Each structure stands twice: as C-alpha cells, then as structure tokens.
Amino acid sequence: MKVKTGLICALAVLAVFLFGCSTASKQASLEVSCDDLMSQNHITREATVKAGEEFTVTLCSNQTTGFAWTETAQISDQTVAKQTSHQYLAPGEADEPPLTGAAGKEVWTFQALKPGTSTISMEYSRPWEGGEKGEWTFSLDVTVK
C-alpha cells in the first residue's frame, strides 16, 4: 500500500510540474535583419499576443553611421500596449562577433495591456537638424487577445 501511495504522490507531483511548465508564459519576439531593411525601406509585420504578455522587437542598427532608431516607439493606442524598455546592443553584445563598423541591434520591449489592436512604429534617421529622416521605417500591427 505504501508503494502505491508513493507512486500516486510522485505522479501527482510530476503532473503539477508538467502542467506548470506547459502553461508558463513565453515572451513573443520579432527580429528584422539589416538585409531585410536594406531590401525594403518600410517593413510592416503583424503579431498576436495575449493580454499581460511581454513582447520584443529587435531591429538592425549601425550607430557608427550616425543613424539610430527613435528612442520611443509611436504607439497608436497606448491603452492596448506600452513600451517598457529600449536598448542598443553593440556588435559583440548581440550574437555576432565584434567587428569594427559592424551593425548592432536595437531592442524594444512592450507590455500587452488589454484586448484590442494598436500599431507600433519606429523610424531610422540621423537625428540632428538637416540629417536624413525616415531612411528605414518599421511598423508592427499588434492584436492583443
């Protein structure tokens, strides 16, 4: 009887562990390479996320050229999604080996707040007066369920 009770307890613990792991929230992410951006000046993507979930957008960026993405993304409906962070990853901090003049990545993290739709937009420009504006643009149409 003790063996049977022990086996049932072990299976119950295993079931709780497996159920907990399978329902763990996974962060959604989207990445756009330099090759994609060079072939198209404007890229639009779509994503569906759950309310409460975080998601990231990673875009190619080479700040040694004087270009940078907008620090704060434009969000059409800020009640649906909000930006929680933005960081630049220099070459070598991202996945590639460091090379002088190589492109890095800019990563934005967002929080899905409530069901609805919103468009998130960023622009790659030289930010100073007279600098090129909108060299590349990126838009993400987000549906939060």
C-alpha atoms as a PDB file:
ATOM      1  CA  MET A   1       0.000   0.000   0.000  1.00  0.00           C
ATOM      2  CA  LYS A   2       2.886   2.376   0.818  1.00  0.00           C
ATOM      3  CA  VAL A   3       4.400   1.793  -2.639  1.00  0.00           C
ATOM      4  CA  LYS A   4       1.071   2.554  -4.333  1.00  0.00           C
ATOM      5  CA  THR A   5       0.579   5.764  -2.290  1.00  0.00           C
ATOM      6  CA  GLY A   6       4.150   6.855  -3.019  1.00  0.00           C
ATOM      7  CA  LEU A   7       3.671   6.216  -6.739  1.00  0.00           C
ATOM      8  CA  ILE A   8       0.428   8.232  -6.784  1.00  0.00           C
ATOM      9  CA  CYS A   9       2.130  11.126  -4.964  1.00  0.00           C
ATOM     10  CA  ALA A  10       5.084  11.036  -7.382  1.00  0.00           C
ATOM     11  CA  LEU A  11       2.743  11.083 -10.389  1.00  0.00           C
ATOM     12  CA  ALA A  12       0.764  13.964  -8.879  1.00  0.00           C
ATOM     13  CA  VAL A  13       3.958  15.984  -8.363  1.00  0.00           C
ATOM     14  CA  LEU A  14       5.065  15.188 -11.926  1.00  0.00           C
ATOM     15  CA  ALA A  15       1.671  16.263 -13.318  1.00  0.00           C
ATOM     16  CA  VAL A  16       1.806  19.566 -11.431  1.00  0.00           C
ATOM     17  CA  PHE A  17       5.360  20.165 -12.671  1.00  0.00           C
ATOM     18  CA  LEU A  18       4.497  19.372 -16.300  1.00  0.00           C
ATOM     19  CA  PHE A  19       1.293  21.422 -16.212  1.00  0.00           C
ATOM     20  CA  GLY A  20       3.134  24.368 -14.681  1.00  0.00           C
ATOM     21  CA  CYS A  21       5.840  24.217 -17.335  1.00  0.00           C
ATOM     22  CA  SER A  22       3.428  23.923 -20.244  1.00  0.00           C
ATOM     23  CA  THR A  23       1.391  26.936 -19.156  1.00  0.00           C
ATOM     24  CA  ALA A  24       4.380  29.168 -18.433  1.00  0.00           C
ATOM     25  CA  SER A  25       4.185  32.475 -20.278  1.00  0.00           C
ATOM     26  CA  LYS A  26       6.547  32.700 -23.215  1.00  0.00           C
ATOM     27  CA  GLN A  27       7.766  36.090 -24.428  1.00  0.00           C
ATOM     28  CA  ALA A  28       6.947  36.745 -28.078  1.00  0.00           C
ATOM     29  CA  SER A  29       9.701  38.299 -30.178  1.00  0.00           C
ATOM     30  CA  LEU A  30      10.215  39.628 -33.669  1.00  0.00           C
ATOM     31  CA  GLU A  31      13.565  40.411 -35.319  1.00  0.00           C
ATOM     32  CA  VAL A  32      14.300  42.228 -38.581  1.00  0.00           C
ATOM     33  CA  SER A  33      17.775  41.925 -40.116  1.00  0.00           C
ATOM     34  CA  CYS A  34      19.828  44.558 -41.924  1.00  0.00           C
ATOM     35  CA  ASP A  35      19.370  42.605 -45.177  1.00  0.00           C
ATOM     36  CA  ASP A  36      15.575  42.814 -44.812  1.00  0.00           C
ATOM     37  CA  LEU A  37      15.710  46.553 -44.102  1.00  0.00           C
ATOM     38  CA  MET A  38      18.098  47.272 -46.991  1.00  0.00           C
ATOM     39  CA  SER A  39      15.842  45.436 -49.445  1.00  0.00           C
ATOM     40  CA  GLN A  40      12.719  47.322 -48.274  1.00  0.00           C
ATOM     41  CA  ASN A  41      12.763  50.820 -46.791  1.00  0.00           C
ATOM     42  CA  HIS A  42       9.478  50.235 -44.993  1.00  0.00           C
ATOM     43  CA  ILE A  43       8.602  46.966 -43.292  1.00  0.00           C
ATOM     44  CA  THR A  44       5.271  46.120 -41.690  1.00  0.00           C
ATOM     45  CA  ARG A  45       4.730  42.996 -39.606  1.00  0.00           C
ATOM     46  CA  GLU A  46       1.797  41.603 -37.631  1.00  0.00           C
ATOM     47  CA  ALA A  47       1.734  39.931 -34.225  1.00  0.00           C
ATOM     48  CA  THR A  48      -0.883  38.499 -31.908  1.00  0.00           C
ATOM     49  CA  VAL A  49      -0.140  38.399 -28.176  1.00  0.00           C
ATOM     50  CA  LYS A  50      -2.079  37.731 -25.005  1.00  0.00           C
ATOM     51  CA  ALA A  51      -3.018  40.495 -22.578  1.00  0.00           C
ATOM     52  CA  GLY A  52      -0.374  40.710 -19.863  1.00  0.00           C
ATOM     53  CA  GLU A  53       2.327  39.212 -22.101  1.00  0.00           C
ATOM     54  CA  GLU A  54       5.611  40.960 -22.930  1.00  0.00           C
ATOM     55  CA  PHE A  55       6.924  41.034 -26.483  1.00  0.00           C
ATOM     56  CA  THR A  56      10.092  42.375 -28.091  1.00  0.00           C
ATOM     57  CA  VAL A  57      11.033  43.953 -31.397  1.00  0.00           C
ATOM     58  CA  THR A  58      14.693  43.747 -32.463  1.00  0.00           C
ATOM     59  CA  LEU A  59      15.884  45.830 -35.409  1.00  0.00           C
ATOM     60  CA  CYS A  60      19.268  46.065 -37.086  1.00  0.00           C
ATOM     61  CA  SER A  61      21.087  49.297 -36.220  1.00  0.00           C
ATOM     62  CA  ASN A  62      24.514  50.703 -37.023  1.00  0.00           C
ATOM     63  CA  GLN A  63      25.094  53.730 -34.826  1.00  0.00           C
ATOM     64  CA  THR A  64      28.620  54.215 -36.236  1.00  0.00           C
ATOM     65  CA  THR A  65      26.893  55.702 -39.318  1.00  0.00           C
ATOM     66  CA  GLY A  66      25.119  58.366 -37.260  1.00  0.00           C
ATOM     67  CA  PHE A  67      21.759  56.662 -37.798  1.00  0.00           C
ATOM     68  CA  ALA A  68      19.607  55.484 -34.913  1.00  0.00           C
ATOM     69  CA  TRP A  69      16.061  54.298 -34.375  1.00  0.00           C
ATOM     70  CA  THR A  70      13.667  56.521 -32.440  1.00  0.00           C
ATOM     71  CA  GLU A  71      14.156  56.041 -28.706  1.00  0.00           C
ATOM     72  CA  THR A  72      10.447  55.871 -28.012  1.00  0.00           C
ATOM     73  CA  ALA A  73       8.175  53.962 -30.359  1.00  0.00           C
ATOM     74  CA  GLN A  74       4.996  55.602 -31.608  1.00  0.00           C
ATOM     75  CA  ILE A  75       2.040  53.562 -30.296  1.00  0.00           C
ATOM     76  CA  SER A  76      -1.357  54.314 -31.846  1.00  0.00           C
ATOM     77  CA  ASP A  77      -3.386  53.034 -28.860  1.00  0.00           C
ATOM     78  CA  GLN A  78      -1.437  53.258 -25.625  1.00  0.00           C
ATOM     79  CA  THR A  79      -4.249  51.573 -23.689  1.00  0.00           C
ATOM     80  CA  VAL A  80      -3.549  48.345 -25.636  1.00  0.00           C
ATOM     81  CA  ALA A  81       0.279  48.263 -25.434  1.00  0.00           C
ATOM     82  CA  LYS A  82       3.054  50.229 -23.782  1.00  0.00           C
ATOM     83  CA  GLN A  83       6.821  50.392 -24.244  1.00  0.00           C
ATOM     84  CA  THR A  84       8.714  49.233 -21.156  1.00  0.00           C
ATOM     85  CA  SER A  85      12.321  49.464 -22.374  1.00  0.00           C
ATOM     86  CA  HIS A  86      14.651  50.214 -25.280  1.00  0.00           C
ATOM     87  CA  GLN A  87      18.334  49.372 -25.536  1.00  0.00           C
ATOM     88  CA  TYR A  88      21.111  49.322 -28.110  1.00  0.00           C
ATOM     89  CA  LEU A  89      23.254  46.188 -28.306  1.00  0.00           C
ATOM     90  CA  ALA A  90      26.620  46.909 -29.907  1.00  0.00           C
ATOM     91  CA  PRO A  91      28.242  44.257 -32.111  1.00  0.00           C
ATOM     92  CA  GLY A  92      29.517  41.528 -29.817  1.00  0.00           C
ATOM     93  CA  GLU A  93      26.782  42.262 -27.249  1.00  0.00           C
ATOM     94  CA  ALA A  94      24.345  40.802 -29.725  1.00  0.00           C
ATOM     95  CA  ASP A  95      25.015  37.343 -31.187  1.00  0.00           C
ATOM     96  CA  GLU A  96      27.746  38.262 -33.669  1.00  0.00           C
ATOM     97  CA  PRO A  97      31.489  38.544 -33.056  1.00  0.00           C
ATOM     98  CA  PRO A  98      32.576  42.199 -32.709  1.00  0.00           C
ATOM     99  CA  LEU A  99      33.770  43.802 -35.946  1.00  0.00           C
ATOM    100  CA  THR A 100      34.710  47.466 -36.336  1.00  0.00           C
ATOM    101  CA  GLY A 101      31.849  49.312 -38.034  1.00  0.00           C
ATOM    102  CA  ALA A 102      29.525  46.305 -37.848  1.00  0.00           C
ATOM    103  CA  ALA A 103      25.846  46.697 -37.150  1.00  0.00           C
ATOM    104  CA  GLY A 104      24.390  46.095 -33.734  1.00  0.00           C
ATOM    105  CA  LYS A 105      20.750  45.783 -32.721  1.00  0.00           C
ATOM    106  CA  GLU A 106      18.160  47.916 -31.009  1.00  0.00           C
ATOM    107  CA  VAL A 107      15.666  46.075 -28.830  1.00  0.00           C
ATOM    108  CA  TRP A 108      12.325  47.405 -27.602  1.00  0.00           C
ATOM    109  CA  THR A 109      10.229  45.582 -25.030  1.00  0.00           C
ATOM    110  CA  PHE A 110       6.489  46.127 -24.846  1.00  0.00           C
ATOM    111  CA  GLN A 111       3.711  45.039 -22.494  1.00  0.00           C
ATOM    112  CA  ALA A 112       0.337  43.972 -23.910  1.00  0.00           C
ATOM    113  CA  LEU A 113      -2.175  45.683 -21.628  1.00  0.00           C
ATOM    114  CA  LYS A 114      -5.686  44.730 -22.753  1.00  0.00           C
ATOM    115  CA  PRO A 115      -7.500  43.219 -25.747  1.00  0.00           C
ATOM    116  CA  GLY A 116      -7.544  45.415 -28.827  1.00  0.00           C
ATOM    117  CA  THR A 117      -5.334  46.496 -31.725  1.00  0.00           C
ATOM    118  CA  SER A 118      -2.542  49.031 -31.964  1.00  0.00           C
ATOM    119  CA  THR A 119       0.189  49.953 -34.414  1.00  0.00           C
ATOM    120  CA  ILE A 120       3.732  50.416 -33.135  1.00  0.00           C
ATOM    121  CA  SER A 121       6.093  52.405 -35.369  1.00  0.00           C
ATOM    122  CA  MET A 122       9.785  53.314 -35.365  1.00  0.00           C
ATOM    123  CA  GLU A 123      11.918  55.430 -37.716  1.00  0.00           C
ATOM    124  CA  TYR A 124      15.634  55.059 -38.518  1.00  0.00           C
ATOM    125  CA  SER A 125      17.147  58.508 -39.065  1.00  0.00           C
ATOM    126  CA  ARG A 126      20.070  60.773 -38.429  1.00  0.00           C
ATOM    127  CA  PRO A 127      18.500  62.759 -35.596  1.00  0.00           C
ATOM    128  CA  TRP A 128      20.313  66.070 -35.968  1.00  0.00           C
ATOM    129  CA  GLU A 129      18.895  69.042 -37.854  1.00  0.00           C
ATOM    130  CA  GLY A 130      19.344  68.542 -41.595  1.00  0.00           C
ATOM    131  CA  GLY A 131      20.016  64.815 -41.137  1.00  0.00           C
ATOM    132  CA  GLU A 132      18.203  62.187 -43.190  1.00  0.00           C
ATOM    133  CA  LYS A 133      14.783  61.305 -41.810  1.00  0.00           C
ATOM    134  CA  GLY A 134      12.928  58.028 -42.222  1.00  0.00           C
ATOM    135  CA  GLU A 135      15.693  56.175 -44.028  1.00  0.00           C
ATOM    136  CA  TRP A 136      14.011  53.000 -42.786  1.00  0.00           C
ATOM    137  CA  THR A 137      10.647  52.681 -41.099  1.00  0.00           C
ATOM    138  CA  PHE A 138       9.158  49.747 -39.235  1.00  0.00           C
ATOM    139  CA  SER A 139       5.544  49.164 -38.204  1.00  0.00           C
ATOM    140  CA  LEU A 140       4.062  46.370 -36.135  1.00  0.00           C
ATOM    141  CA  ASP A 141       0.301  45.829 -36.162  1.00  0.00           C
ATOM    142  CA  VAL A 142      -0.410  44.209 -32.793  1.00  0.00           C
ATOM    143  CA  THR A 143      -3.558  42.363 -31.839  1.00  0.00           C
ATOM    144  CA  VAL A 144      -3.901  41.719 -28.115  1.00  0.00           C
ATOM    145  CA  LYS A 145      -6.307  38.934 -27.135  1.00  0.00           C
END
